[in-house]
Every structure is written in structure tokens, then in C-alpha cells.
Amino acid sequence: AVSAAETPRTGGSFTVGVETEPNTFNPQLNGQAKADVTLRNVWESL
């Protein structure tokens, strides 16, 4: 498992289950800590 994890793969898909649905997809206005798991895929900081 460790060897497989250390070998980068290109392509494919990755599915993650989260318990909190963002109440808005504007990350500045969301305010839900657990929604960061979803929103940080798209928006970044300084």
C-alpha cells in the first residue's frame, strides 16, 4: 500500500464523502469549516 501510494498516477477519478454541504459556493461567504474540504479544491489564498 505504501509503495502504491508513493507512485504518482495521472488521470482517473477520486470520490470523497463529506457530511457538510456548502450553503454557498462562494468561499468567502460560506463560513462552514467542514465545507473547506470541498471549496479548497477551487479557491486559494495569499
ModelCIF file with pLDDT and N, C-alpha, C, O atoms, coordinates in Angstrom:
data_MODEL
#
_entry.id   MODEL 
#
_entity.id                         1 
_entity.type                       polymer 
_entity.pdbx_number_of_molecules   1 
#
_entity_poly.entity_id                      1 
_entity_poly.type                           'polypeptide(L)' 
_entity_poly.nstd_linkage                   no 
_entity_poly.nstd_monomer                   no 
_entity_poly.pdbx_seq_one_letter_code       AVSAAETPRTGGSFTVGVETEPNTFNPQLNGQAKADVTLRNVWESL 
_entity_poly.pdbx_seq_one_letter_code_can   AVSAAETPRTGGSFTVGVETEPNTFNPQLNGQAKADVTLRNVWESL 
_entity_poly.pdbx_strand_id                 A 
#
loop_
_entity_poly_seq.entity_id 
_entity_poly_seq.num 
_entity_poly_seq.mon_id 
_entity_poly_seq.hetero 
1 1  ALA n 
1 2  VAL n 
1 3  SER n 
1 4  ALA n 
1 5  ALA n 
1 6  GLU n 
1 7  THR n 
1 8  PRO n 
1 9  ARG n 
1 10 THR n 
1 11 GLY n 
1 12 GLY n 
1 13 SER n 
1 14 PHE n 
1 15 THR n 
1 16 VAL n 
1 17 GLY n 
1 18 VAL n 
1 19 GLU n 
1 20 THR n 
1 21 GLU n 
1 22 PRO n 
1 23 ASN n 
1 24 THR n 
1 25 PHE n 
1 26 ASN n 
1 27 PRO n 
1 28 GLN n 
1 29 LEU n 
1 30 ASN n 
1 31 GLY n 
1 32 GLN n 
1 33 ALA n 
1 34 LYS n 
1 35 ALA n 
1 36 ASP n 
1 37 VAL n 
1 38 THR n 
1 39 LEU n 
1 40 ARG n 
1 41 ASN n 
1 42 VAL n 
1 43 TRP n 
1 44 GLU n 
1 45 SER n 
1 46 LEU n 
#
_struct_asym.id          A 
_struct_asym.entity_id   1 
#
loop_
_ma_qa_metric.id 
_ma_qa_metric.mode 
_ma_qa_metric.name 
_ma_qa_metric.software_group_id 
_ma_qa_metric.type 
1 global pLDDT . pLDDT 
2 local  pLDDT . pLDDT 
#
_ma_qa_metric_global.metric_id      1 
_ma_qa_metric_global.metric_value   84.59 
_ma_qa_metric_global.model_id       1 
_ma_qa_metric_global.ordinal_id     1 
#
loop_
_ma_qa_metric_local.label_asym_id 
_ma_qa_metric_local.label_comp_id 
_ma_qa_metric_local.label_seq_id 
_ma_qa_metric_local.metric_id 
_ma_qa_metric_local.metric_value 
_ma_qa_metric_local.model_id 
_ma_qa_metric_local.ordinal_id 
A ALA 1  2 52.00 1 1  
A VAL 2  2 51.00 1 2  
A SER 3  2 52.00 1 3  
A ALA 4  2 56.00 1 4  
A ALA 5  2 62.00 1 5  
A GLU 6  2 77.00 1 6  
A THR 7  2 81.00 1 7  
A PRO 8  2 77.00 1 8  
A ARG 9  2 78.00 1 9  
A THR 10 2 80.00 1 10 
A GLY 11 2 84.00 1 11 
A GLY 12 2 87.00 1 12 
A SER 13 2 89.00 1 13 
A PHE 14 2 85.00 1 14 
A THR 15 2 89.00 1 15 
A VAL 16 2 85.00 1 16 
A GLY 17 2 86.00 1 17 
A VAL 18 2 83.00 1 18 
A GLU 19 2 83.00 1 19 
A THR 20 2 83.00 1 20 
A GLU 21 2 88.00 1 21 
A PRO 22 2 89.00 1 22 
A ASN 23 2 90.00 1 23 
A THR 24 2 92.00 1 24 
A PHE 25 2 93.00 1 25 
A ASN 26 2 95.00 1 26 
A PRO 27 2 95.00 1 27 
A GLN 28 2 95.00 1 28 
A LEU 29 2 95.00 1 29 
A ASN 30 2 91.00 1 30 
A GLY 31 2 86.00 1 31 
A GLN 32 2 87.00 1 32 
A ALA 33 2 85.00 1 33 
A LYS 34 2 83.00 1 34 
A ALA 35 2 85.00 1 35 
A ASP 36 2 85.00 1 36 
A VAL 37 2 84.00 1 37 
A THR 38 2 88.00 1 38 
A LEU 39 2 92.00 1 39 
A ARG 40 2 92.00 1 40 
A ASN 41 2 93.00 1 41 
A VAL 42 2 97.00 1 42 
A TRP 43 2 97.00 1 43 
A GLU 44 2 98.00 1 44 
A SER 45 2 98.00 1 45 
A LEU 46 2 98.00 1 46 
#
loop_
_atom_site.group_PDB 
_atom_site.id 
_atom_site.type_symbol 
_atom_site.label_atom_id 
_atom_site.label_alt_id 
_atom_site.label_comp_id 
_atom_site.label_asym_id 
_atom_site.label_entity_id 
_atom_site.label_seq_id 
_atom_site.pdbx_PDB_ins_code 
_atom_site.Cartn_x 
_atom_site.Cartn_y 
_atom_site.Cartn_z 
_atom_site.occupancy 
_atom_site.B_iso_or_equiv 
_atom_site.pdbx_formal_charge 
_atom_site.auth_seq_id 
_atom_site.auth_comp_id 
_atom_site.auth_asym_id 
_atom_site.auth_atom_id 
_atom_site.pdbx_PDB_model_num 
ATOM 1   N N  . ALA A 1 1  ? 0.839   -1.213 0.000   1.00 52.00 ? 1  ALA A N  1 
ATOM 2   C CA . ALA A 1 1  ? 0.000   0.000  0.000   1.00 52.00 ? 1  ALA A CA 1 
ATOM 3   C C  . ALA A 1 1  ? 0.859   1.242  0.000   1.00 52.00 ? 1  ALA A C  1 
ATOM 4   O O  . ALA A 1 1  ? 0.560   2.203  -0.709  1.00 52.00 ? 1  ALA A O  1 
ATOM 5   N N  . VAL A 1 2  ? 1.938   1.238  0.795   1.00 51.00 ? 2  VAL A N  1 
ATOM 6   C CA . VAL A 1 2  ? 2.835   2.394  0.844   1.00 51.00 ? 2  VAL A CA 1 
ATOM 7   C C  . VAL A 1 2  ? 3.497   2.608  -0.500  1.00 51.00 ? 2  VAL A C  1 
ATOM 8   O O  . VAL A 1 2  ? 3.593   3.738  -0.978  1.00 51.00 ? 2  VAL A O  1 
ATOM 9   N N  . SER A 1 3  ? 3.967   1.495  -1.127  1.00 52.00 ? 3  SER A N  1 
ATOM 10  C CA . SER A 1 3  ? 4.618   1.605  -2.428  1.00 52.00 ? 3  SER A CA 1 
ATOM 11  C C  . SER A 1 3  ? 3.657   2.161  -3.465  1.00 52.00 ? 3  SER A C  1 
ATOM 12  O O  . SER A 1 3  ? 4.033   2.998  -4.285  1.00 52.00 ? 3  SER A O  1 
ATOM 13  N N  . ALA A 1 4  ? 2.410   1.690  -3.425  1.00 56.00 ? 4  ALA A N  1 
ATOM 14  C CA . ALA A 1 4  ? 1.408   2.187  -4.365  1.00 56.00 ? 4  ALA A CA 1 
ATOM 15  C C  . ALA A 1 4  ? 1.134   3.658  -4.140  1.00 56.00 ? 4  ALA A C  1 
ATOM 16  O O  . ALA A 1 4  ? 0.957   4.413  -5.097  1.00 56.00 ? 4  ALA A O  1 
ATOM 17  N N  . ALA A 1 5  ? 1.096   4.080  -2.868  1.00 62.00 ? 5  ALA A N  1 
ATOM 18  C CA . ALA A 1 5  ? 0.814   5.486  -2.551  1.00 62.00 ? 5  ALA A CA 1 
ATOM 19  C C  . ALA A 1 5  ? 1.936   6.393  -3.016  1.00 62.00 ? 5  ALA A C  1 
ATOM 20  O O  . ALA A 1 5  ? 1.711   7.564  -3.321  1.00 62.00 ? 5  ALA A O  1 
ATOM 21  N N  . GLU A 1 6  ? 3.154   5.851  -3.072  1.00 77.00 ? 6  GLU A N  1 
ATOM 22  C CA . GLU A 1 6  ? 4.303   6.671  -3.455  1.00 77.00 ? 6  GLU A CA 1 
ATOM 23  C C  . GLU A 1 6  ? 4.457   6.762  -4.969  1.00 77.00 ? 6  GLU A C  1 
ATOM 24  O O  . GLU A 1 6  ? 5.293   7.524  -5.453  1.00 77.00 ? 6  GLU A O  1 
ATOM 25  N N  . THR A 1 7  ? 3.674   6.007  -5.720  1.00 81.00 ? 7  THR A N  1 
ATOM 26  C CA . THR A 1 7  ? 3.755   6.034  -7.175  1.00 81.00 ? 7  THR A CA 1 
ATOM 27  C C  . THR A 1 7  ? 2.659   6.936  -7.739  1.00 81.00 ? 7  THR A C  1 
ATOM 28  O O  . THR A 1 7  ? 1.482   6.579  -7.686  1.00 81.00 ? 7  THR A O  1 
ATOM 29  N N  . PRO A 1 8  ? 3.026   8.097  -8.276  1.00 77.00 ? 8  PRO A N  1 
ATOM 30  C CA . PRO A 1 8  ? 2.008   9.030  -8.790  1.00 77.00 ? 8  PRO A CA 1 
ATOM 31  C C  . PRO A 1 8  ? 1.227   8.430  -9.952  1.00 77.00 ? 8  PRO A C  1 
ATOM 32  O O  . PRO A 1 8  ? 1.780   7.715  -10.787 1.00 77.00 ? 8  PRO A O  1 
ATOM 33  N N  . ARG A 1 9  ? -0.045  8.729  -9.989  1.00 78.00 ? 9  ARG A N  1 
ATOM 34  C CA . ARG A 1 9  ? -0.900  8.296  -11.084 1.00 78.00 ? 9  ARG A CA 1 
ATOM 35  C C  . ARG A 1 9  ? -1.538  9.509  -11.737 1.00 78.00 ? 9  ARG A C  1 
ATOM 36  O O  . ARG A 1 9  ? -1.957  10.441 -11.052 1.00 78.00 ? 9  ARG A O  1 
ATOM 37  N N  . THR A 1 10 ? -1.610  9.498  -13.050 1.00 80.00 ? 10 THR A N  1 
ATOM 38  C CA . THR A 1 10 ? -2.258  10.571 -13.786 1.00 80.00 ? 10 THR A CA 1 
ATOM 39  C C  . THR A 1 10 ? -3.609  10.081 -14.288 1.00 80.00 ? 10 THR A C  1 
ATOM 40  O O  . THR A 1 10 ? -3.727  8.974  -14.812 1.00 80.00 ? 10 THR A O  1 
ATOM 41  N N  . GLY A 1 11 ? -4.612  10.910 -14.123 1.00 84.00 ? 11 GLY A N  1 
ATOM 42  C CA . GLY A 1 11 ? -5.932  10.543 -14.617 1.00 84.00 ? 11 GLY A CA 1 
ATOM 43  C C  . GLY A 1 11 ? -6.753  9.810  -13.585 1.00 84.00 ? 11 GLY A C  1 
ATOM 44  O O  . GLY A 1 11 ? -6.353  9.678  -12.428 1.00 84.00 ? 11 GLY A O  1 
ATOM 45  N N  . GLY A 1 12 ? -7.908  9.333  -14.014 1.00 87.00 ? 12 GLY A N  1 
ATOM 46  C CA . GLY A 1 12 ? -8.798  8.626  -13.105 1.00 87.00 ? 12 GLY A CA 1 
ATOM 47  C C  . GLY A 1 12 ? -9.688  9.580  -12.335 1.00 87.00 ? 12 GLY A C  1 
ATOM 48  O O  . GLY A 1 12 ? -9.747  10.774 -12.631 1.00 87.00 ? 12 GLY A O  1 
ATOM 49  N N  . SER A 1 13 ? -10.381 9.039  -11.340 1.00 89.00 ? 13 SER A N  1 
ATOM 50  C CA . SER A 1 13 ? -11.281 9.849  -10.517 1.00 89.00 ? 13 SER A CA 1 
ATOM 51  C C  . SER A 1 13 ? -11.100 9.472  -9.061  1.00 89.00 ? 13 SER A C  1 
ATOM 52  O O  . SER A 1 13 ? -10.598 8.397  -8.736  1.00 89.00 ? 13 SER A O  1 
ATOM 53  N N  . PHE A 1 14 ? -11.519 10.379 -8.187  1.00 85.00 ? 14 PHE A N  1 
ATOM 54  C CA . PHE A 1 14 ? -11.374 10.189 -6.750  1.00 85.00 ? 14 PHE A CA 1 
ATOM 55  C C  . PHE A 1 14 ? -12.649 10.695 -6.099  1.00 85.00 ? 14 PHE A C  1 
ATOM 56  O O  . PHE A 1 14 ? -13.025 11.852 -6.285  1.00 85.00 ? 14 PHE A O  1 
ATOM 57  N N  . THR A 1 15 ? -13.315 9.839  -5.338  1.00 89.00 ? 15 THR A N  1 
ATOM 58  C CA . THR A 1 15 ? -14.588 10.192 -4.714  1.00 89.00 ? 15 THR A CA 1 
ATOM 59  C C  . THR A 1 15 ? -14.425 10.296 -3.207  1.00 89.00 ? 15 THR A C  1 
ATOM 60  O O  . THR A 1 15 ? -13.869 9.401  -2.571  1.00 89.00 ? 15 THR A O  1 
ATOM 61  N N  . VAL A 1 16 ? -14.909 11.384 -2.645  1.00 85.00 ? 16 VAL A N  1 
ATOM 62  C CA . VAL A 1 16 ? -14.823 11.623 -1.203  1.00 85.00 ? 16 VAL A CA 1 
ATOM 63  C C  . VAL A 1 16 ? -16.220 11.933 -0.670  1.00 85.00 ? 16 VAL A C  1 
ATOM 64  O O  . VAL A 1 16 ? -16.945 12.738 -1.255  1.00 85.00 ? 16 VAL A O  1 
ATOM 65  N N  . GLY A 1 17 ? -16.592 11.306 0.421   1.00 86.00 ? 17 GLY A N  1 
ATOM 66  C CA . GLY A 1 17 ? -17.868 11.604 1.054   1.00 86.00 ? 17 GLY A CA 1 
ATOM 67  C C  . GLY A 1 17 ? -17.682 12.628 2.164   1.00 86.00 ? 17 GLY A C  1 
ATOM 68  O O  . GLY A 1 17 ? -16.818 12.456 3.025   1.00 86.00 ? 17 GLY A O  1 
ATOM 69  N N  . VAL A 1 18 ? -18.481 13.691 2.156   1.00 83.00 ? 18 VAL A N  1 
ATOM 70  C CA . VAL A 1 18 ? -18.406 14.719 3.200   1.00 83.00 ? 18 VAL A CA 1 
ATOM 71  C C  . VAL A 1 18 ? -19.789 14.901 3.814   1.00 83.00 ? 18 VAL A C  1 
ATOM 72  O O  . VAL A 1 18 ? -20.806 14.702 3.149   1.00 83.00 ? 18 VAL A O  1 
ATOM 73  N N  . GLU A 1 19 ? -19.817 15.283 5.090   1.00 83.00 ? 19 GLU A N  1 
ATOM 74  C CA . GLU A 1 19 ? -21.096 15.369 5.790   1.00 83.00 ? 19 GLU A CA 1 
ATOM 75  C C  . GLU A 1 19 ? -21.736 16.753 5.699   1.00 83.00 ? 19 GLU A C  1 
ATOM 76  O O  . GLU A 1 19 ? -22.900 16.927 6.060   1.00 83.00 ? 19 GLU A O  1 
ATOM 77  N N  . THR A 1 20 ? -20.972 17.739 5.213   1.00 83.00 ? 20 THR A N  1 
ATOM 78  C CA . THR A 1 20 ? -21.481 19.115 5.177   1.00 83.00 ? 20 THR A CA 1 
ATOM 79  C C  . THR A 1 20 ? -21.562 19.619 3.747   1.00 83.00 ? 20 THR A C  1 
ATOM 80  O O  . THR A 1 20 ? -20.558 19.685 3.038   1.00 83.00 ? 20 THR A O  1 
ATOM 81  N N  . GLU A 1 21 ? -22.766 19.973 3.337   1.00 88.00 ? 21 GLU A N  1 
ATOM 82  C CA . GLU A 1 21 ? -22.946 20.555 2.016   1.00 88.00 ? 21 GLU A CA 1 
ATOM 83  C C  . GLU A 1 21 ? -22.779 22.078 2.128   1.00 88.00 ? 21 GLU A C  1 
ATOM 84  O O  . GLU A 1 21 ? -23.403 22.696 2.990   1.00 88.00 ? 21 GLU A O  1 
ATOM 85  N N  . PRO A 1 22 ? -21.953 22.689 1.278   1.00 89.00 ? 22 PRO A N  1 
ATOM 86  C CA . PRO A 1 22 ? -21.782 24.150 1.367   1.00 89.00 ? 22 PRO A CA 1 
ATOM 87  C C  . PRO A 1 22 ? -23.103 24.885 1.215   1.00 89.00 ? 22 PRO A C  1 
ATOM 88  O O  . PRO A 1 22 ? -23.900 24.560 0.334   1.00 89.00 ? 22 PRO A O  1 
ATOM 89  N N  . ASN A 1 23 ? -23.339 25.876 2.070   1.00 90.00 ? 23 ASN A N  1 
ATOM 90  C CA . ASN A 1 23 ? -24.575 26.652 1.923   1.00 90.00 ? 23 ASN A CA 1 
ATOM 91  C C  . ASN A 1 23 ? -24.433 27.701 0.830   1.00 90.00 ? 23 ASN A C  1 
ATOM 92  O O  . ASN A 1 23 ? -25.429 28.278 0.394   1.00 90.00 ? 23 ASN A O  1 
ATOM 93  N N  . THR A 1 24 ? -23.204 27.955 0.382   1.00 92.00 ? 24 THR A N  1 
ATOM 94  C CA . THR A 1 24 ? -22.929 28.769 -0.788  1.00 92.00 ? 24 THR A CA 1 
ATOM 95  C C  . THR A 1 24 ? -21.591 28.309 -1.346  1.00 92.00 ? 24 THR A C  1 
ATOM 96  O O  . THR A 1 24 ? -20.718 27.871 -0.597  1.00 92.00 ? 24 THR A O  1 
ATOM 97  N N  . PHE A 1 25 ? -21.432 28.409 -2.653  1.00 93.00 ? 25 PHE A N  1 
ATOM 98  C CA . PHE A 1 25 ? -20.161 28.060 -3.271  1.00 93.00 ? 25 PHE A CA 1 
ATOM 99  C C  . PHE A 1 25 ? -19.291 29.294 -3.473  1.00 93.00 ? 25 PHE A C  1 
ATOM 100 O O  . PHE A 1 25 ? -18.353 29.274 -4.270  1.00 93.00 ? 25 PHE A O  1 
ATOM 101 N N  . ASN A 1 26 ? -19.598 30.348 -2.763  1.00 95.00 ? 26 ASN A N  1 
ATOM 102 C CA . ASN A 1 26 ? -18.670 31.480 -2.634  1.00 95.00 ? 26 ASN A CA 1 
ATOM 103 C C  . ASN A 1 26 ? -17.900 31.230 -1.341  1.00 95.00 ? 26 ASN A C  1 
ATOM 104 O O  . ASN A 1 26 ? -18.482 31.338 -0.261  1.00 95.00 ? 26 ASN A O  1 
ATOM 105 N N  . PRO A 1 27 ? -16.611 30.900 -1.414  1.00 95.00 ? 27 PRO A N  1 
ATOM 106 C CA . PRO A 1 27 ? -15.872 30.505 -0.217  1.00 95.00 ? 27 PRO A CA 1 
ATOM 107 C C  . PRO A 1 27 ? -15.720 31.621 0.805   1.00 95.00 ? 27 PRO A C  1 
ATOM 108 O O  . PRO A 1 27 ? -15.537 31.354 1.992   1.00 95.00 ? 27 PRO A O  1 
ATOM 109 N N  . GLN A 1 28 ? -15.794 32.864 0.356   1.00 95.00 ? 28 GLN A N  1 
ATOM 110 C CA . GLN A 1 28 ? -15.655 33.989 1.284   1.00 95.00 ? 28 GLN A CA 1 
ATOM 111 C C  . GLN A 1 28 ? -16.871 34.142 2.178   1.00 95.00 ? 28 GLN A C  1 
ATOM 112 O O  . GLN A 1 28 ? -16.761 34.635 3.301   1.00 95.00 ? 28 GLN A O  1 
ATOM 113 N N  . LEU A 1 29 ? -18.027 33.724 1.691   1.00 95.00 ? 29 LEU A N  1 
ATOM 114 C CA . LEU A 1 29 ? -19.283 33.912 2.430   1.00 95.00 ? 29 LEU A CA 1 
ATOM 115 C C  . LEU A 1 29 ? -19.770 32.638 3.106   1.00 95.00 ? 29 LEU A C  1 
ATOM 116 O O  . LEU A 1 29 ? -20.780 32.659 3.809   1.00 95.00 ? 29 LEU A O  1 
ATOM 117 N N  . ASN A 1 30 ? -19.070 31.540 2.905   1.00 91.00 ? 30 ASN A N  1 
ATOM 118 C CA . ASN A 1 30 ? -19.590 30.258 3.377   1.00 91.00 ? 30 ASN A CA 1 
ATOM 119 C C  . ASN A 1 30 ? -19.593 30.132 4.887   1.00 91.00 ? 30 ASN A C  1 
ATOM 120 O O  . ASN A 1 30 ? -20.652 29.935 5.482   1.00 91.00 ? 30 ASN A O  1 
ATOM 121 N N  . GLY A 1 31 ? -18.437 30.239 5.524   1.00 86.00 ? 31 GLY A N  1 
ATOM 122 C CA . GLY A 1 31 ? -18.373 30.200 6.982   1.00 86.00 ? 31 GLY A CA 1 
ATOM 123 C C  . GLY A 1 31 ? -18.488 28.832 7.616   1.00 86.00 ? 31 GLY A C  1 
ATOM 124 O O  . GLY A 1 31 ? -18.514 28.734 8.843   1.00 86.00 ? 31 GLY A O  1 
ATOM 125 N N  . GLN A 1 32 ? -18.559 27.765 6.823   1.00 87.00 ? 32 GLN A N  1 
ATOM 126 C CA . GLN A 1 32 ? -18.662 26.399 7.358   1.00 87.00 ? 32 GLN A CA 1 
ATOM 127 C C  . GLN A 1 32 ? -17.275 25.752 7.290   1.00 87.00 ? 32 GLN A C  1 
ATOM 128 O O  . GLN A 1 32 ? -16.736 25.536 6.204   1.00 87.00 ? 32 GLN A O  1 
ATOM 129 N N  . ALA A 1 33 ? -16.713 25.450 8.444   1.00 85.00 ? 33 ALA A N  1 
ATOM 130 C CA . ALA A 1 33 ? -15.352 24.902 8.475   1.00 85.00 ? 33 ALA A CA 1 
ATOM 131 C C  . ALA A 1 33 ? -15.247 23.604 7.677   1.00 85.00 ? 33 ALA A C  1 
ATOM 132 O O  . ALA A 1 33 ? -14.283 23.412 6.936   1.00 85.00 ? 33 ALA A O  1 
ATOM 133 N N  . LYS A 1 34 ? -16.220 22.719 7.819   1.00 83.00 ? 34 LYS A N  1 
ATOM 134 C CA . LYS A 1 34 ? -16.145 21.429 7.138   1.00 83.00 ? 34 LYS A CA 1 
ATOM 135 C C  . LYS A 1 34 ? -16.339 21.553 5.628   1.00 83.00 ? 34 LYS A C  1 
ATOM 136 O O  . LYS A 1 34 ? -15.944 20.658 4.881   1.00 83.00 ? 34 LYS A O  1 
ATOM 137 N N  . ALA A 1 35 ? -16.939 22.643 5.174   1.00 85.00 ? 35 ALA A N  1 
ATOM 138 C CA . ALA A 1 35 ? -17.126 22.845 3.740   1.00 85.00 ? 35 ALA A CA 1 
ATOM 139 C C  . ALA A 1 35 ? -15.805 23.140 3.042   1.00 85.00 ? 35 ALA A C  1 
ATOM 140 O O  . ALA A 1 35 ? -15.716 23.051 1.817   1.00 85.00 ? 35 ALA A O  1 
ATOM 141 N N  . ASP A 1 36 ? -14.778 23.491 3.813   1.00 85.00 ? 36 ASP A N  1 
ATOM 142 C CA . ASP A 1 36 ? -13.464 23.749 3.221   1.00 85.00 ? 36 ASP A CA 1 
ATOM 143 C C  . ASP A 1 36 ? -12.932 22.533 2.477   1.00 85.00 ? 36 ASP A C  1 
ATOM 144 O O  . ASP A 1 36 ? -12.177 22.676 1.515   1.00 85.00 ? 36 ASP A O  1 
ATOM 145 N N  . VAL A 1 37 ? -13.320 21.336 2.916   1.00 84.00 ? 37 VAL A N  1 
ATOM 146 C CA . VAL A 1 37 ? -12.898 20.109 2.226   1.00 84.00 ? 37 VAL A CA 1 
ATOM 147 C C  . VAL A 1 37 ? -13.320 20.165 0.762   1.00 84.00 ? 37 VAL A C  1 
ATOM 148 O O  . VAL A 1 37 ? -12.611 19.674 -0.117  1.00 84.00 ? 37 VAL A O  1 
ATOM 149 N N  . THR A 1 38 ? -14.471 20.763 0.511   1.00 88.00 ? 38 THR A N  1 
ATOM 150 C CA . THR A 1 38 ? -14.992 20.899 -0.848  1.00 88.00 ? 38 THR A CA 1 
ATOM 151 C C  . THR A 1 38 ? -14.450 22.131 -1.548  1.00 88.00 ? 38 THR A C  1 
ATOM 152 O O  . THR A 1 38 ? -13.972 22.048 -2.679  1.00 88.00 ? 38 THR A O  1 
ATOM 153 N N  . LEU A 1 39 ? -14.524 23.277 -0.877  1.00 92.00 ? 39 LEU A N  1 
ATOM 154 C CA . LEU A 1 39 ? -14.237 24.546 -1.533  1.00 92.00 ? 39 LEU A CA 1 
ATOM 155 C C  . LEU A 1 39 ? -12.761 24.796 -1.796  1.00 92.00 ? 39 LEU A C  1 
ATOM 156 O O  . LEU A 1 39 ? -12.418 25.487 -2.755  1.00 92.00 ? 39 LEU A O  1 
ATOM 157 N N  . ARG A 1 40 ? -11.879 24.248 -0.965  1.00 92.00 ? 40 ARG A N  1 
ATOM 158 C CA . ARG A 1 40 ? -10.443 24.486 -1.150  1.00 92.00 ? 40 ARG A CA 1 
ATOM 159 C C  . ARG A 1 40 ? -9.899  23.837 -2.414  1.00 92.00 ? 40 ARG A C  1 
ATOM 160 O O  . ARG A 1 40 ? -8.759  24.098 -2.798  1.00 92.00 ? 40 ARG A O  1 
ATOM 161 N N  . ASN A 1 41 ? -10.698 22.993 -3.069  1.00 93.00 ? 41 ASN A N  1 
ATOM 162 C CA . ASN A 1 41 ? -10.280 22.450 -4.353  1.00 93.00 ? 41 ASN A CA 1 
ATOM 163 C C  . ASN A 1 41 ? -10.152 23.534 -5.425  1.00 93.00 ? 41 ASN A C  1 
ATOM 164 O O  . ASN A 1 41 ? -9.397  23.384 -6.386  1.00 93.00 ? 41 ASN A O  1 
ATOM 165 N N  . VAL A 1 42 ? -10.895 24.620 -5.249  1.00 97.00 ? 42 VAL A N  1 
ATOM 166 C CA . VAL A 1 42 ? -11.026 25.622 -6.308  1.00 97.00 ? 42 VAL A CA 1 
ATOM 167 C C  . VAL A 1 42 ? -10.371 26.951 -5.950  1.00 97.00 ? 42 VAL A C  1 
ATOM 168 O O  . VAL A 1 42 ? -9.742  27.578 -6.802  1.00 97.00 ? 42 VAL A O  1 
ATOM 169 N N  . TRP A 1 43 ? -10.513 27.392 -4.684  1.00 97.00 ? 43 TRP A N  1 
ATOM 170 C CA . TRP A 1 43 ? -10.083 28.742 -4.319  1.00 97.00 ? 43 TRP A CA 1 
ATOM 171 C C  . TRP A 1 43 ? -8.905  28.720 -3.346  1.00 97.00 ? 43 TRP A C  1 
ATOM 172 O O  . TRP A 1 43 ? -8.851  27.891 -2.437  1.00 97.00 ? 43 TRP A O  1 
ATOM 173 N N  . GLU A 1 44 ? -7.971  29.637 -3.549  1.00 98.00 ? 44 GLU A N  1 
ATOM 174 C CA . GLU A 1 44 ? -6.740  29.663 -2.769  1.00 98.00 ? 44 GLU A CA 1 
ATOM 175 C C  . GLU A 1 44 ? -6.522  31.025 -2.123  1.00 98.00 ? 44 GLU A C  1 
ATOM 176 O O  . GLU A 1 44 ? -7.294  31.961 -2.333  1.00 98.00 ? 44 GLU A O  1 
ATOM 177 N N  . SER A 1 45 ? -5.449  31.117 -1.329  1.00 98.00 ? 45 SER A N  1 
ATOM 178 C CA . SER A 1 45 ? -5.180  32.316 -0.538  1.00 98.00 ? 45 SER A CA 1 
ATOM 179 C C  . SER A 1 45 ? -3.755  32.817 -0.758  1.00 98.00 ? 45 SER A C  1 
ATOM 180 O O  . SER A 1 45 ? -2.954  32.181 -1.445  1.00 98.00 ? 45 SER A O  1 
ATOM 181 N N  . LEU A 1 46 ? -3.461  33.956 -0.167  1.00 98.00 ? 46 LEU A N  1 
ATOM 182 C CA . LEU A 1 46 ? -2.152  34.574 -0.348  1.00 98.00 ? 46 LEU A CA 1 
ATOM 183 C C  . LEU A 1 46 ? -1.038  33.783 0.322   1.00 98.00 ? 46 LEU A C  1 
ATOM 184 O O  . LEU A 1 46 ? 0.126   34.180 0.257   1.00 98.00 ? 46 LEU A O  1 
#
